[in-house]
Protein backbone atom coordinates (compact mmCIF):
# COMPACT_ATOMS: atom_id res chain seq x y z
CA UNK A 1 0.00 0.00 0.00
CA UNK A 2 2.84 2.37 0.76
CA UNK A 3 4.04 2.09 -2.84
CA UNK A 4 0.60 3.14 -4.11
CA UNK A 5 0.56 6.05 -1.68
CA UNK A 6 3.99 7.23 -2.75
CA UNK A 7 3.14 6.77 -6.45
CA UNK A 8 0.28 9.21 -5.91
CA UNK A 9 2.55 11.53 -3.93
CA UNK A 10 0.29 11.33 -0.89
CA UNK A 11 1.54 11.68 2.63
CA UNK A 12 -0.08 9.41 5.20
CA UNK A 13 -2.01 12.48 6.36
CA UNK A 14 -3.19 13.17 2.76
CA UNK A 15 -4.43 9.61 2.40
CA UNK A 16 -6.11 9.78 5.78
CA UNK A 17 -7.94 12.98 4.81
CA UNK A 18 -8.90 11.61 1.40
CA UNK A 19 -10.30 8.31 2.74
CA UNK A 20 -11.50 9.15 6.24
CA UNK A 21 -9.27 6.35 7.52
CA UNK A 22 -7.26 7.34 10.57
CA UNK A 23 -3.59 8.26 10.25
CA UNK A 24 -2.70 5.63 12.85
CA UNK A 25 -4.62 2.87 11.03
CA UNK A 26 -2.89 3.66 7.70
CA UNK A 27 0.47 3.57 9.48
CA UNK A 28 -0.40 0.18 10.96
CA UNK A 29 -1.37 -1.16 7.53
CA UNK A 30 1.83 0.06 5.95
CA UNK A 31 3.94 -1.43 8.73
CA UNK A 32 2.15 -4.79 8.67
CA UNK A 33 0.70 -4.26 12.13
CA UNK A 34 -2.81 -4.99 10.80
CA UNK A 35 -3.65 -8.29 9.19
CA UNK A 36 -6.83 -7.52 7.30
CA UNK A 37 -9.11 -4.67 6.35
CA UNK A 38 -12.85 -4.40 5.88
CA UNK A 39 -14.26 -4.20 2.38
CA UNK A 40 -15.30 -0.63 3.11
CA UNK A 41 -11.71 0.33 3.93
CA UNK A 42 -10.40 -1.51 0.89
CA UNK A 43 -12.87 0.27 -1.41
CA UNK A 44 -11.99 3.65 0.11
CA UNK A 45 -8.32 3.01 -0.54
CA UNK A 46 -8.89 1.88 -4.12
CA UNK A 47 -10.99 4.99 -4.75
CA UNK A 48 -8.30 7.24 -3.28
CA UNK A 49 -5.74 5.63 -5.59
CA UNK A 50 -8.17 6.02 -8.52
CA UNK A 51 -8.10 2.34 -9.37
CA UNK A 52 -10.45 -0.57 -9.48
CA UNK A 53 -10.40 -2.70 -6.32
CA UNK A 54 -9.18 -5.64 -8.40
CA UNK A 55 -6.16 -3.62 -9.54
CA UNK A 56 -5.30 -2.62 -5.98
CA UNK A 57 -5.55 -6.27 -4.95
CA UNK A 58 -3.28 -7.28 -7.84
CA UNK A 59 -0.72 -4.65 -6.79
CA UNK A 60 -0.78 -5.97 -3.24
CA UNK A 61 -0.41 -9.56 -4.44
CA UNK A 62 2.54 -8.53 -6.65
CA UNK A 63 4.22 -6.84 -3.67
CA UNK A 64 3.72 -9.94 -1.53
CA UNK A 65 5.11 -12.15 -4.29
CA UNK A 66 8.24 -9.96 -4.50
CA UNK A 67 8.70 -10.09 -0.74
CA UNK A 68 8.37 -13.87 -0.81
CA UNK A 69 10.85 -14.20 -3.68
CA UNK A 70 13.37 -11.97 -1.92
CA UNK A 71 12.93 -13.83 1.35
CA UNK A 72 13.41 -17.25 -0.20
CA UNK A 73 16.28 -16.02 -2.35
CA UNK A 74 18.06 -14.73 0.75
CA UNK A 75 17.40 -18.01 2.57
CA UNK A 76 18.88 -20.01 -0.31
CA UNK A 77 21.99 -17.87 -0.53
CA UNK A 78 22.51 -18.11 3.25
CA UNK A 79 22.27 -21.90 3.09
CA UNK A 80 24.96 -21.99 0.39
CA UNK A 81 27.27 -20.02 2.67
CA UNK A 82 26.92 -22.65 5.41
CA UNK A 83 29.73 -25.28 5.58
């Protein structure tokens, strides 16, 4: 979500004002301190980013996939370094 926010040149405060979602809640989402969101929150975010909810979901899935690939890549390279 942070990538979408930065792509739109929004501060957390801007996004909070645009969506009506609290500053603290957005911070928690961006820092993975919240596991899930309501559909209402998800739709507000997609509207703020001017994208269809399905596109926002795809962006999030792509970000997760990259995190997974980086994590597993780092694990594999660390195992190779082990004697």
